[in-house]
Amino acid sequence: EAIDRLKEHGVAIVTLVSDLPGSQRDHFAGVDNLAAGRTAGSLMGRFLAGRTGKIAVVAGSMLVGDHRDRLEGFRKRIAEINPGLDILDVMEGQDEPDQVHDLVSACLRRESDLAGIYSLGAGNRGLIRALGQLPKGMAKPVVIAHELTPHTRDALQADLIDAILNQDAGHEVRSAIRVLKARADGIDVIDAQERIRIDIFLKDNLP
């Protein structure tokens, strides 16, 4: 409703990172989060090809649209390519590293057949800390997370995380500004220029 009221006053609106697709917003500057979740599912399914077991999912909050979309895409893709994997109930860590650490640590202790962990949002410092505390001899689950940061980069290099899906935050901000300027100037937006791609980083191709 707030967006609708702003639109009535001629205000151009761009959503950033997390979308409001049912609104009258002019543009969304961010990745296709359904596709991001499907990509994570494809990677997890291939890393765990032929295996069974459980997959833990860590989100910030399922009230956030991009997290819901990522989970939906992930679930659907896992069901398509590796239905032997059982996705556990989502753990909501509120993107707080300490809370994520406690949730993941408890899950690692509780689930003896944990095959993978998919982190939907932030709080990855807590995830990394929990993985680094695995008892000697305990197999590490396959771990896929979002956003390349100094912490996740180090975790990739240390083999604590297996793959990172990244969105270029700088591109998103520039895109939002370009779209708002185009609306103010009354010119068309170049859709191809504003499309935000999903980057996949492994230990081997870090920039």
N, C-alpha and C. Protein backbone atom coordinates (compact mmCIF):
# COMPACT_ATOMS: atom_id res chain seq x y z
N GLU A 1 0.83 -1.21 0.00
CA GLU A 1 0.00 0.00 0.00
C GLU A 1 0.87 1.26 0.00
N ALA A 2 1.97 1.21 0.73
CA ALA A 2 2.85 2.38 0.78
C ALA A 2 3.39 2.69 -0.61
N ILE A 3 3.76 1.63 -1.36
CA ILE A 3 4.27 1.83 -2.72
C ILE A 3 3.18 2.42 -3.60
N ASP A 4 1.96 1.89 -3.47
CA ASP A 4 0.85 2.41 -4.28
C ASP A 4 0.63 3.89 -4.01
N ARG A 5 0.71 4.29 -2.74
CA ARG A 5 0.52 5.71 -2.41
C ARG A 5 1.62 6.58 -3.02
N LEU A 6 2.86 6.08 -2.97
CA LEU A 6 3.95 6.83 -3.58
C LEU A 6 3.77 6.95 -5.09
N LYS A 7 3.32 5.85 -5.72
CA LYS A 7 3.11 5.89 -7.17
C LYS A 7 2.03 6.90 -7.55
N GLU A 8 1.01 7.03 -6.68
CA GLU A 8 -0.05 8.01 -6.94
C GLU A 8 0.51 9.43 -6.98
N HIS A 9 1.63 9.64 -6.30
CA HIS A 9 2.27 10.96 -6.28
C HIS A 9 3.41 11.06 -7.31
N GLY A 10 3.49 10.07 -8.20
CA GLY A 10 4.47 10.13 -9.28
C GLY A 10 5.89 9.78 -8.89
N VAL A 11 6.06 9.07 -7.78
CA VAL A 11 7.40 8.70 -7.31
C VAL A 11 7.83 7.39 -7.98
N ALA A 12 9.00 7.40 -8.60
CA ALA A 12 9.55 6.16 -9.18
C ALA A 12 10.14 5.31 -8.07
N ILE A 13 9.92 3.99 -8.15
CA ILE A 13 10.34 3.10 -7.07
C ILE A 13 11.10 1.90 -7.65
N VAL A 14 12.27 1.64 -7.08
CA VAL A 14 13.07 0.46 -7.42
C VAL A 14 13.27 -0.36 -6.15
N THR A 15 12.97 -1.65 -6.22
CA THR A 15 13.28 -2.54 -5.09
C THR A 15 14.68 -3.09 -5.29
N LEU A 16 15.39 -3.26 -4.18
CA LEU A 16 16.80 -3.63 -4.23
C LEU A 16 17.03 -4.93 -3.46
N VAL A 17 17.60 -5.93 -4.12
CA VAL A 17 17.97 -7.24 -3.57
C VAL A 17 16.76 -8.13 -3.31
N SER A 18 15.77 -7.64 -2.55
CA SER A 18 14.55 -8.41 -2.28
C SER A 18 13.38 -7.69 -2.94
N ASP A 19 12.57 -8.43 -3.70
CA ASP A 19 11.56 -7.80 -4.55
C ASP A 19 10.18 -7.79 -3.88
N LEU A 20 9.31 -6.93 -4.41
CA LEU A 20 7.88 -6.91 -4.08
C LEU A 20 7.12 -7.04 -5.39
N PRO A 21 7.07 -8.27 -5.95
CA PRO A 21 6.56 -8.44 -7.32
C PRO A 21 5.10 -8.09 -7.50
N GLY A 22 4.29 -8.12 -6.44
CA GLY A 22 2.88 -7.79 -6.59
C GLY A 22 2.59 -6.31 -6.50
N SER A 23 3.62 -5.52 -6.34
CA SER A 23 3.45 -4.07 -6.16
C SER A 23 3.57 -3.34 -7.49
N GLN A 24 3.42 -2.02 -7.44
CA GLN A 24 3.56 -1.19 -8.64
C GLN A 24 4.98 -0.65 -8.80
N ARG A 25 5.95 -1.28 -8.17
CA ARG A 25 7.33 -0.80 -8.30
C ARG A 25 7.74 -0.77 -9.78
N ASP A 26 8.67 0.13 -10.11
CA ASP A 26 9.09 0.29 -11.50
C ASP A 26 10.09 -0.76 -11.94
N HIS A 27 10.93 -1.21 -11.01
CA HIS A 27 12.03 -2.09 -11.40
C HIS A 27 12.56 -2.82 -10.17
N PHE A 28 13.08 -4.02 -10.39
CA PHE A 28 13.75 -4.77 -9.33
C PHE A 28 15.22 -4.89 -9.69
N ALA A 29 16.10 -4.38 -8.83
CA ALA A 29 17.55 -4.49 -9.03
C ALA A 29 18.07 -5.63 -8.16
N GLY A 30 18.21 -6.78 -8.75
CA GLY A 30 18.67 -7.95 -8.01
C GLY A 30 18.61 -9.18 -8.89
N VAL A 31 19.10 -10.29 -8.35
CA VAL A 31 19.10 -11.53 -9.11
C VAL A 31 17.71 -12.16 -9.07
N ASP A 32 17.48 -13.08 -9.99
CA ASP A 32 16.30 -13.93 -9.96
C ASP A 32 16.52 -14.96 -8.85
N ASN A 33 15.86 -14.78 -7.71
CA ASN A 33 16.16 -15.62 -6.56
C ASN A 33 15.62 -17.04 -6.69
N LEU A 34 14.56 -17.22 -7.47
CA LEU A 34 14.14 -18.59 -7.79
C LEU A 34 15.24 -19.32 -8.55
N ALA A 35 15.82 -18.63 -9.53
CA ALA A 35 16.91 -19.21 -10.31
C ALA A 35 18.14 -19.44 -9.44
N ALA A 36 18.39 -18.54 -8.50
CA ALA A 36 19.53 -18.72 -7.59
C ALA A 36 19.34 -19.97 -6.74
N GLY A 37 18.12 -20.18 -6.24
CA GLY A 37 17.84 -21.38 -5.47
C GLY A 37 17.96 -22.64 -6.30
N ARG A 38 17.47 -22.58 -7.53
CA ARG A 38 17.60 -23.75 -8.42
C ARG A 38 19.07 -24.03 -8.72
N THR A 39 19.84 -22.98 -8.90
CA THR A 39 21.28 -23.17 -9.15
C THR A 39 21.94 -23.85 -7.96
N ALA A 40 21.59 -23.40 -6.75
CA ALA A 40 22.13 -24.04 -5.54
C ALA A 40 21.70 -25.50 -5.48
N GLY A 41 20.45 -25.78 -5.86
CA GLY A 41 19.97 -27.16 -5.87
C GLY A 41 20.71 -28.02 -6.88
N SER A 42 20.99 -27.44 -8.05
CA SER A 42 21.75 -28.19 -9.07
C SER A 42 23.15 -28.52 -8.57
N LEU A 43 23.80 -27.53 -7.94
CA LEU A 43 25.14 -27.77 -7.42
C LEU A 43 25.12 -28.83 -6.32
N MET A 44 24.19 -28.69 -5.37
CA MET A 44 24.10 -29.66 -4.28
C MET A 44 23.81 -31.05 -4.82
N GLY A 45 22.86 -31.14 -5.75
CA GLY A 45 22.51 -32.43 -6.32
C GLY A 45 23.67 -33.10 -7.03
N ARG A 46 24.50 -32.30 -7.68
CA ARG A 46 25.66 -32.87 -8.37
C ARG A 46 26.78 -33.24 -7.39
N PHE A 47 27.00 -32.40 -6.40
CA PHE A 47 28.00 -32.75 -5.38
C PHE A 47 27.63 -34.05 -4.67
N LEU A 48 26.33 -34.29 -4.51
CA LEU A 48 25.86 -35.46 -3.76
C LEU A 48 25.21 -36.49 -4.67
N ALA A 49 25.63 -36.54 -5.92
CA ALA A 49 25.03 -37.47 -6.89
C ALA A 49 25.10 -38.91 -6.37
N GLY A 50 23.96 -39.59 -6.41
CA GLY A 50 23.90 -40.98 -6.00
C GLY A 50 23.85 -41.21 -4.50
N ARG A 51 23.88 -40.15 -3.72
CA ARG A 51 23.87 -40.29 -2.27
C ARG A 51 22.50 -39.97 -1.69
N THR A 52 22.24 -40.50 -0.51
CA THR A 52 21.05 -40.14 0.25
C THR A 52 21.50 -39.40 1.51
N GLY A 53 20.56 -38.87 2.22
CA GLY A 53 20.89 -38.15 3.45
C GLY A 53 20.03 -36.91 3.60
N LYS A 54 20.37 -36.11 4.57
CA LYS A 54 19.58 -34.93 4.89
C LYS A 54 20.32 -33.65 4.52
N ILE A 55 19.53 -32.65 4.16
CA ILE A 55 20.06 -31.33 3.83
C ILE A 55 19.50 -30.32 4.83
N ALA A 56 20.38 -29.62 5.52
CA ALA A 56 19.96 -28.54 6.41
C ALA A 56 19.91 -27.23 5.64
N VAL A 57 18.93 -26.42 5.93
CA VAL A 57 18.79 -25.10 5.30
C VAL A 57 18.81 -24.04 6.39
N VAL A 58 19.68 -23.05 6.21
CA VAL A 58 19.78 -21.94 7.16
C VAL A 58 19.32 -20.66 6.45
N ALA A 59 18.31 -20.01 7.01
CA ALA A 59 17.81 -18.75 6.46
C ALA A 59 17.95 -17.66 7.50
N GLY A 60 17.85 -16.41 7.05
CA GLY A 60 17.74 -15.32 7.99
C GLY A 60 16.35 -15.31 8.58
N SER A 61 15.36 -15.09 7.72
CA SER A 61 13.96 -15.13 8.11
C SER A 61 13.14 -15.50 6.89
N MET A 62 12.20 -16.40 7.06
CA MET A 62 11.35 -16.78 5.94
C MET A 62 10.27 -15.72 5.67
N LEU A 63 10.30 -14.62 6.39
CA LEU A 63 9.45 -13.48 6.06
C LEU A 63 10.05 -12.67 4.91
N VAL A 64 11.31 -12.93 4.59
CA VAL A 64 12.02 -12.18 3.54
C VAL A 64 11.80 -12.87 2.19
N GLY A 65 11.34 -12.09 1.21
CA GLY A 65 10.96 -12.66 -0.07
C GLY A 65 12.07 -13.39 -0.79
N ASP A 66 13.30 -12.83 -0.79
CA ASP A 66 14.37 -13.49 -1.53
C ASP A 66 14.73 -14.82 -0.89
N HIS A 67 14.60 -14.95 0.42
CA HIS A 67 14.89 -16.22 1.07
C HIS A 67 13.81 -17.25 0.73
N ARG A 68 12.56 -16.83 0.70
CA ARG A 68 11.48 -17.75 0.31
C ARG A 68 11.68 -18.24 -1.12
N ASP A 69 12.03 -17.34 -2.01
CA ASP A 69 12.22 -17.72 -3.42
C ASP A 69 13.40 -18.67 -3.57
N ARG A 70 14.50 -18.40 -2.88
CA ARG A 70 15.65 -19.29 -2.97
C ARG A 70 15.31 -20.69 -2.48
N LEU A 71 14.58 -20.76 -1.37
CA LEU A 71 14.20 -22.06 -0.83
C LEU A 71 13.29 -22.81 -1.80
N GLU A 72 12.32 -22.12 -2.38
CA GLU A 72 11.42 -22.76 -3.33
C GLU A 72 12.19 -23.33 -4.52
N GLY A 73 13.08 -22.54 -5.09
CA GLY A 73 13.87 -23.02 -6.22
C GLY A 73 14.76 -24.19 -5.84
N PHE A 74 15.37 -24.12 -4.66
CA PHE A 74 16.25 -25.18 -4.18
C PHE A 74 15.49 -26.48 -4.00
N ARG A 75 14.35 -26.42 -3.32
CA ARG A 75 13.55 -27.62 -3.07
C ARG A 75 13.12 -28.29 -4.38
N LYS A 76 12.64 -27.48 -5.31
CA LYS A 76 12.15 -28.04 -6.56
C LYS A 76 13.28 -28.71 -7.34
N ARG A 77 14.45 -28.08 -7.37
CA ARG A 77 15.55 -28.64 -8.14
C ARG A 77 16.09 -29.92 -7.50
N ILE A 78 16.20 -29.94 -6.17
CA ILE A 78 16.65 -31.16 -5.49
C ILE A 78 15.69 -32.30 -5.77
N ALA A 79 14.38 -32.03 -5.72
CA ALA A 79 13.38 -33.06 -5.98
C ALA A 79 13.50 -33.61 -7.40
N GLU A 80 13.91 -32.76 -8.33
CA GLU A 80 14.04 -33.18 -9.73
C GLU A 80 15.25 -34.07 -9.96
N ILE A 81 16.39 -33.72 -9.34
CA ILE A 81 17.63 -34.41 -9.72
C ILE A 81 18.16 -35.37 -8.66
N ASN A 82 17.71 -35.24 -7.41
CA ASN A 82 18.20 -36.16 -6.37
C ASN A 82 17.14 -36.30 -5.28
N PRO A 83 16.03 -37.01 -5.59
CA PRO A 83 14.94 -37.12 -4.61
C PRO A 83 15.31 -37.93 -3.37
N GLY A 84 16.47 -38.58 -3.36
CA GLY A 84 16.93 -39.31 -2.19
C GLY A 84 17.42 -38.41 -1.08
N LEU A 85 17.54 -37.12 -1.36
CA LEU A 85 17.97 -36.16 -0.34
C LEU A 85 16.74 -35.57 0.35
N ASP A 86 16.76 -35.56 1.66
CA ASP A 86 15.63 -35.09 2.47
C ASP A 86 15.97 -33.71 3.05
N ILE A 87 15.21 -32.70 2.66
CA ILE A 87 15.46 -31.34 3.13
C ILE A 87 14.76 -31.14 4.48
N LEU A 88 15.54 -30.80 5.49
CA LEU A 88 15.02 -30.59 6.84
C LEU A 88 14.26 -29.27 6.95
N ASP A 89 13.53 -29.11 8.04
CA ASP A 89 12.86 -27.83 8.30
C ASP A 89 13.90 -26.70 8.36
N VAL A 90 13.51 -25.55 7.86
CA VAL A 90 14.42 -24.41 7.79
C VAL A 90 14.77 -23.92 9.19
N MET A 91 16.06 -23.65 9.39
CA MET A 91 16.53 -23.01 10.62
C MET A 91 16.66 -21.51 10.35
N GLU A 92 15.99 -20.68 11.14
CA GLU A 92 16.03 -19.23 10.94
C GLU A 92 16.99 -18.60 11.96
N GLY A 93 18.12 -18.13 11.46
CA GLY A 93 19.14 -17.56 12.33
C GLY A 93 19.14 -16.05 12.40
N GLN A 94 18.15 -15.40 11.73
CA GLN A 94 18.03 -13.93 11.75
C GLN A 94 19.30 -13.23 11.26
N ASP A 95 20.10 -13.94 10.45
CA ASP A 95 21.36 -13.40 9.92
C ASP A 95 22.33 -12.99 11.02
N GLU A 96 22.17 -13.57 12.21
CA GLU A 96 23.05 -13.28 13.34
C GLU A 96 24.08 -14.41 13.48
N PRO A 97 25.37 -14.11 13.34
CA PRO A 97 26.39 -15.18 13.35
C PRO A 97 26.32 -16.09 14.58
N ASP A 98 26.13 -15.54 15.76
CA ASP A 98 26.10 -16.39 16.96
C ASP A 98 24.90 -17.33 16.95
N GLN A 99 23.76 -16.81 16.51
CA GLN A 99 22.57 -17.65 16.45
C GLN A 99 22.73 -18.73 15.38
N VAL A 100 23.29 -18.36 14.23
CA VAL A 100 23.53 -19.35 13.17
C VAL A 100 24.51 -20.42 13.66
N HIS A 101 25.56 -20.00 14.36
CA HIS A 101 26.53 -20.96 14.90
C HIS A 101 25.84 -21.98 15.80
N ASP A 102 24.99 -21.51 16.70
CA ASP A 102 24.34 -22.41 17.64
C ASP A 102 23.39 -23.37 16.92
N LEU A 103 22.64 -22.86 15.95
CA LEU A 103 21.71 -23.70 15.20
C LEU A 103 22.45 -24.78 14.41
N VAL A 104 23.50 -24.37 13.70
CA VAL A 104 24.25 -25.32 12.88
C VAL A 104 24.98 -26.34 13.75
N SER A 105 25.57 -25.89 14.83
CA SER A 105 26.28 -26.81 15.73
C SER A 105 25.33 -27.87 16.27
N ALA A 106 24.14 -27.45 16.69
CA ALA A 106 23.16 -28.40 17.21
C ALA A 106 22.72 -29.38 16.12
N CYS A 107 22.55 -28.88 14.91
CA CYS A 107 22.15 -29.73 13.79
C CYS A 107 23.23 -30.77 13.47
N LEU A 108 24.49 -30.34 13.48
CA LEU A 108 25.59 -31.27 13.21
C LEU A 108 25.66 -32.37 14.27
N ARG A 109 25.36 -32.04 15.51
CA ARG A 109 25.36 -33.05 16.57
C ARG A 109 24.16 -33.99 16.45
N ARG A 110 23.04 -33.44 16.02
CA ARG A 110 21.77 -34.17 16.03
C ARG A 110 21.61 -35.10 14.82
N GLU A 111 22.05 -34.64 13.65
CA GLU A 111 21.78 -35.36 12.40
C GLU A 111 23.01 -36.14 11.96
N SER A 112 23.01 -37.43 12.22
CA SER A 112 24.19 -38.25 11.90
C SER A 112 24.35 -38.47 10.40
N ASP A 113 23.26 -38.32 9.64
CA ASP A 113 23.34 -38.53 8.19
C ASP A 113 23.19 -37.22 7.42
N LEU A 114 23.69 -36.13 8.02
CA LEU A 114 23.63 -34.83 7.35
C LEU A 114 24.59 -34.81 6.17
N ALA A 115 24.04 -34.65 4.97
CA ALA A 115 24.86 -34.69 3.76
C ALA A 115 25.22 -33.30 3.25
N GLY A 116 24.38 -32.31 3.54
CA GLY A 116 24.63 -30.99 2.99
C GLY A 116 24.01 -29.89 3.82
N ILE A 117 24.52 -28.68 3.64
CA ILE A 117 23.97 -27.48 4.27
C ILE A 117 23.86 -26.40 3.20
N TYR A 118 22.68 -25.78 3.10
CA TYR A 118 22.47 -24.67 2.19
C TYR A 118 22.14 -23.44 3.03
N SER A 119 22.99 -22.43 2.95
CA SER A 119 22.78 -21.17 3.67
C SER A 119 22.16 -20.15 2.72
N LEU A 120 20.93 -19.74 3.02
CA LEU A 120 20.18 -18.84 2.14
C LEU A 120 20.59 -17.38 2.24
N GLY A 121 21.13 -16.99 3.41
CA GLY A 121 21.35 -15.57 3.61
C GLY A 121 22.67 -15.24 4.26
N ALA A 122 22.63 -14.33 5.22
CA ALA A 122 23.85 -13.87 5.88
C ALA A 122 24.07 -14.68 7.16
N GLY A 123 24.95 -14.18 8.01
CA GLY A 123 25.28 -14.92 9.22
C GLY A 123 26.25 -16.05 8.97
N ASN A 124 26.93 -16.00 7.82
CA ASN A 124 27.80 -17.12 7.45
C ASN A 124 29.05 -17.24 8.32
N ARG A 125 29.41 -16.19 9.03
CA ARG A 125 30.54 -16.33 9.96
C ARG A 125 30.24 -17.38 11.03
N GLY A 126 28.98 -17.42 11.47
CA GLY A 126 28.58 -18.43 12.45
C GLY A 126 28.59 -19.83 11.86
N LEU A 127 28.14 -19.95 10.62
CA LEU A 127 28.19 -21.24 9.93
C LEU A 127 29.62 -21.73 9.80
N ILE A 128 30.50 -20.84 9.38
CA ILE A 128 31.91 -21.21 9.19
C ILE A 128 32.54 -21.63 10.51
N ARG A 129 32.21 -20.92 11.57
CA ARG A 129 32.76 -21.26 12.89
C ARG A 129 32.30 -22.65 13.32
N ALA A 130 31.04 -22.96 13.09
CA ALA A 130 30.52 -24.28 13.45
C ALA A 130 31.20 -25.38 12.64
N LEU A 131 31.43 -25.13 11.36
CA LEU A 131 32.10 -26.13 10.52
C LEU A 131 33.54 -26.33 10.96
N GLY A 132 34.19 -25.25 11.37
CA GLY A 132 35.57 -25.35 11.82
C GLY A 132 35.72 -26.10 13.13
N GLN A 133 34.62 -26.28 13.85
CA GLN A 133 34.64 -26.98 15.13
C GLN A 133 34.21 -28.44 15.02
N LEU A 134 34.06 -28.94 13.80
CA LEU A 134 33.69 -30.34 13.62
C LEU A 134 34.73 -31.25 14.28
N PRO A 135 34.30 -32.29 14.99
CA PRO A 135 35.26 -33.21 15.60
C PRO A 135 36.14 -33.87 14.55
N LYS A 136 37.36 -34.15 14.91
CA LYS A 136 38.29 -34.81 14.00
C LYS A 136 37.71 -36.15 13.56
N GLY A 137 37.78 -36.42 12.28
CA GLY A 137 37.27 -37.67 11.75
C GLY A 137 35.81 -37.62 11.32
N MET A 138 35.09 -36.56 11.69
CA MET A 138 33.69 -36.41 11.28
C MET A 138 33.64 -35.81 9.88
N ALA A 139 32.90 -36.46 8.99
CA ALA A 139 32.82 -35.99 7.61
C ALA A 139 32.09 -34.65 7.53
N LYS A 140 32.66 -33.73 6.77
CA LYS A 140 32.02 -32.42 6.58
C LYS A 140 30.92 -32.53 5.53
N PRO A 141 29.74 -31.98 5.80
CA PRO A 141 28.71 -31.96 4.76
C PRO A 141 29.10 -31.03 3.63
N VAL A 142 28.50 -31.24 2.47
CA VAL A 142 28.66 -30.29 1.36
C VAL A 142 27.96 -28.99 1.76
N VAL A 143 28.63 -27.87 1.57
CA VAL A 143 28.09 -26.58 2.02
C VAL A 143 28.05 -25.60 0.85
N ILE A 144 26.86 -25.04 0.62
CA ILE A 144 26.67 -24.02 -0.41
C ILE A 144 26.08 -22.79 0.27
N ALA A 145 26.63 -21.63 -0.01
CA ALA A 145 26.18 -20.40 0.64
C ALA A 145 26.09 -19.28 -0.40
N HIS A 146 25.58 -18.14 0.05
CA HIS A 146 25.44 -16.96 -0.81
C HIS A 146 26.38 -15.86 -0.36
N GLU A 147 26.85 -15.11 -1.31
CA GLU A 147 27.63 -13.87 -1.17
C GLU A 147 29.10 -14.13 -0.85
N LEU A 148 29.94 -13.64 -1.76
CA LEU A 148 31.39 -13.74 -1.60
C LEU A 148 31.86 -12.57 -0.73
N THR A 149 32.32 -12.89 0.47
CA THR A 149 32.84 -11.90 1.42
C THR A 149 34.23 -12.37 1.83
N PRO A 150 34.99 -11.55 2.55
CA PRO A 150 36.28 -12.04 3.04
C PRO A 150 36.16 -13.34 3.84
N HIS A 151 35.08 -13.49 4.61
CA HIS A 151 34.90 -14.69 5.43
C HIS A 151 34.58 -15.91 4.57
N THR A 152 33.65 -15.75 3.61
CA THR A 152 33.31 -16.91 2.78
C THR A 152 34.44 -17.25 1.81
N ARG A 153 35.19 -16.24 1.38
CA ARG A 153 36.37 -16.50 0.54
C ARG A 153 37.37 -17.38 1.30
N ASP A 154 37.67 -17.01 2.54
CA ASP A 154 38.60 -17.80 3.34
C ASP A 154 38.07 -19.22 3.55
N ALA A 155 36.75 -19.34 3.76
CA ALA A 155 36.16 -20.65 3.98
C ALA A 155 36.21 -21.52 2.73
N LEU A 156 36.04 -20.90 1.56
CA LEU A 156 36.22 -21.64 0.30
C LEU A 156 37.64 -22.17 0.19
N GLN A 157 38.59 -21.31 0.47
CA GLN A 157 39.99 -21.71 0.35
C GLN A 157 40.38 -22.77 1.37
N ALA A 158 39.67 -22.79 2.51
CA ALA A 158 39.95 -23.77 3.56
C ALA A 158 39.11 -25.04 3.41
N ASP A 159 38.32 -25.13 2.32
CA ASP A 159 37.46 -26.29 2.06
C ASP A 159 36.36 -26.47 3.10
N LEU A 160 35.97 -25.40 3.76
CA LEU A 160 34.82 -25.46 4.67
C LEU A 160 33.52 -25.21 3.92
N ILE A 161 33.58 -24.38 2.89
CA ILE A 161 32.45 -24.15 1.98
C ILE A 161 32.86 -24.67 0.61
N ASP A 162 31.89 -25.28 -0.10
CA ASP A 162 32.19 -25.89 -1.40
C ASP A 162 31.86 -24.98 -2.58
N ALA A 163 30.85 -24.13 -2.44
CA ALA A 163 30.48 -23.23 -3.54
C ALA A 163 29.76 -22.02 -2.96
N ILE A 164 29.98 -20.88 -3.63
CA ILE A 164 29.33 -19.63 -3.25
C ILE A 164 28.57 -19.09 -4.46
N LEU A 165 27.31 -18.71 -4.24
CA LEU A 165 26.55 -17.99 -5.25
C LEU A 165 26.61 -16.51 -4.90
N ASN A 166 26.95 -15.68 -5.87
CA ASN A 166 27.20 -14.27 -5.57
C ASN A 166 26.40 -13.37 -6.50
N GLN A 167 25.94 -12.24 -5.94
CA GLN A 167 25.36 -11.18 -6.75
C GLN A 167 26.22 -9.93 -6.57
N ASP A 168 26.41 -9.22 -7.65
CA ASP A 168 27.28 -8.05 -7.64
C ASP A 168 26.51 -6.87 -7.04
N ALA A 169 26.77 -6.57 -5.77
CA ALA A 169 26.04 -5.50 -5.08
C ALA A 169 26.28 -4.15 -5.74
N GLY A 170 27.51 -3.93 -6.22
CA GLY A 170 27.81 -2.67 -6.90
C GLY A 170 26.98 -2.50 -8.16
N HIS A 171 26.83 -3.59 -8.93
CA HIS A 171 26.00 -3.55 -10.14
C HIS A 171 24.55 -3.25 -9.77
N GLU A 172 24.08 -3.86 -8.68
CA GLU A 172 22.69 -3.63 -8.26
C GLU A 172 22.44 -2.17 -7.91
N VAL A 173 23.36 -1.57 -7.18
CA VAL A 173 23.20 -0.16 -6.80
C VAL A 173 23.25 0.74 -8.04
N ARG A 174 24.24 0.47 -8.92
CA ARG A 174 24.33 1.27 -10.15
C ARG A 174 23.08 1.11 -11.00
N SER A 175 22.55 -0.12 -11.06
CA SER A 175 21.34 -0.37 -11.83
C SER A 175 20.17 0.42 -11.27
N ALA A 176 20.02 0.40 -9.96
CA ALA A 176 18.91 1.13 -9.33
C ALA A 176 19.00 2.62 -9.66
N ILE A 177 20.21 3.18 -9.59
CA ILE A 177 20.39 4.61 -9.87
C ILE A 177 20.09 4.91 -11.34
N ARG A 178 20.58 4.03 -12.25
CA ARG A 178 20.33 4.25 -13.68
C ARG A 178 18.84 4.22 -13.99
N VAL A 179 18.13 3.26 -13.40
CA VAL A 179 16.70 3.14 -13.67
C VAL A 179 15.95 4.37 -13.14
N LEU A 180 16.27 4.81 -11.94
CA LEU A 180 15.60 5.99 -11.39
C LEU A 180 15.88 7.24 -12.23
N LYS A 181 17.12 7.36 -12.71
CA LYS A 181 17.46 8.50 -13.57
C LYS A 181 16.71 8.42 -14.89
N ALA A 182 16.61 7.19 -15.45
CA ALA A 182 15.88 7.02 -16.70
C ALA A 182 14.41 7.40 -16.53
N ARG A 183 13.83 7.01 -15.42
CA ARG A 183 12.43 7.37 -15.16
C ARG A 183 12.28 8.90 -15.03
N ALA A 184 13.23 9.52 -14.34
CA ALA A 184 13.17 10.98 -14.17
C ALA A 184 13.34 11.70 -15.49
N ASP A 185 14.17 11.13 -16.38
CA ASP A 185 14.44 11.76 -17.68
C ASP A 185 13.43 11.35 -18.74
N GLY A 186 12.56 10.39 -18.42
CA GLY A 186 11.55 9.94 -19.38
C GLY A 186 12.10 9.13 -20.52
N ILE A 187 13.19 8.37 -20.27
CA ILE A 187 13.77 7.54 -21.33
C ILE A 187 13.63 6.07 -20.95
N ASP A 188 13.78 5.21 -21.97
CA ASP A 188 13.60 3.78 -21.76
C ASP A 188 14.78 3.18 -21.00
N VAL A 189 14.48 2.14 -20.23
CA VAL A 189 15.51 1.37 -19.54
C VAL A 189 16.01 0.27 -20.47
N ILE A 190 17.32 0.06 -20.50
CA ILE A 190 17.91 -1.02 -21.31
C ILE A 190 17.93 -2.28 -20.45
N ASP A 191 16.97 -3.18 -20.70
CA ASP A 191 16.79 -4.34 -19.83
C ASP A 191 18.05 -5.19 -19.71
N ALA A 192 18.73 -5.41 -20.84
CA ALA A 192 19.92 -6.27 -20.82
C ALA A 192 21.01 -5.69 -19.92
N GLN A 193 21.11 -4.37 -19.91
CA GLN A 193 22.13 -3.71 -19.08
C GLN A 193 21.82 -3.85 -17.59
N GLU A 194 20.55 -3.97 -17.26
CA GLU A 194 20.15 -3.99 -15.86
C GLU A 194 19.97 -5.41 -15.31
N ARG A 195 20.18 -6.41 -16.13
CA ARG A 195 20.04 -7.79 -15.65
C ARG A 195 21.22 -8.14 -14.75
N ILE A 196 20.95 -8.60 -13.55
CA ILE A 196 21.99 -8.96 -12.58
C ILE A 196 22.24 -10.46 -12.67
N ARG A 197 23.46 -10.83 -12.96
CA ARG A 197 23.74 -12.26 -13.14
C ARG A 197 24.07 -12.93 -11.80
N ILE A 198 23.94 -14.25 -11.81
CA ILE A 198 24.30 -15.07 -10.65
C ILE A 198 25.68 -15.64 -10.92
N ASP A 199 26.65 -15.27 -10.11
CA ASP A 199 28.01 -15.81 -10.25
C ASP A 199 28.18 -17.01 -9.33
N ILE A 200 28.91 -18.02 -9.82
CA ILE A 200 29.22 -19.21 -9.03
C ILE A 200 30.72 -19.23 -8.80
N PHE A 201 31.12 -19.26 -7.54
CA PHE A 201 32.54 -19.32 -7.20
C PHE A 201 32.86 -20.61 -6.46
N LEU A 202 33.90 -21.28 -6.94
CA LEU A 202 34.49 -22.42 -6.27
C LEU A 202 35.88 -22.00 -5.79
N LYS A 203 36.51 -22.89 -5.09
CA LYS A 203 37.88 -22.61 -4.64
C LYS A 203 38.80 -22.29 -5.82
N ASP A 204 38.49 -22.90 -6.98
CA ASP A 204 39.40 -22.83 -8.13
C ASP A 204 39.27 -21.56 -8.96
N ASN A 205 38.18 -20.80 -8.82
CA ASN A 205 37.99 -19.66 -9.72
C ASN A 205 37.73 -18.36 -8.98
N LEU A 206 38.26 -18.25 -7.76
CA LEU A 206 38.07 -17.02 -7.00
C LEU A 206 38.74 -15.84 -7.70
N PRO A 207 38.07 -14.69 -7.77
CA PRO A 207 38.67 -13.52 -8.43
C PRO A 207 39.77 -12.90 -7.56
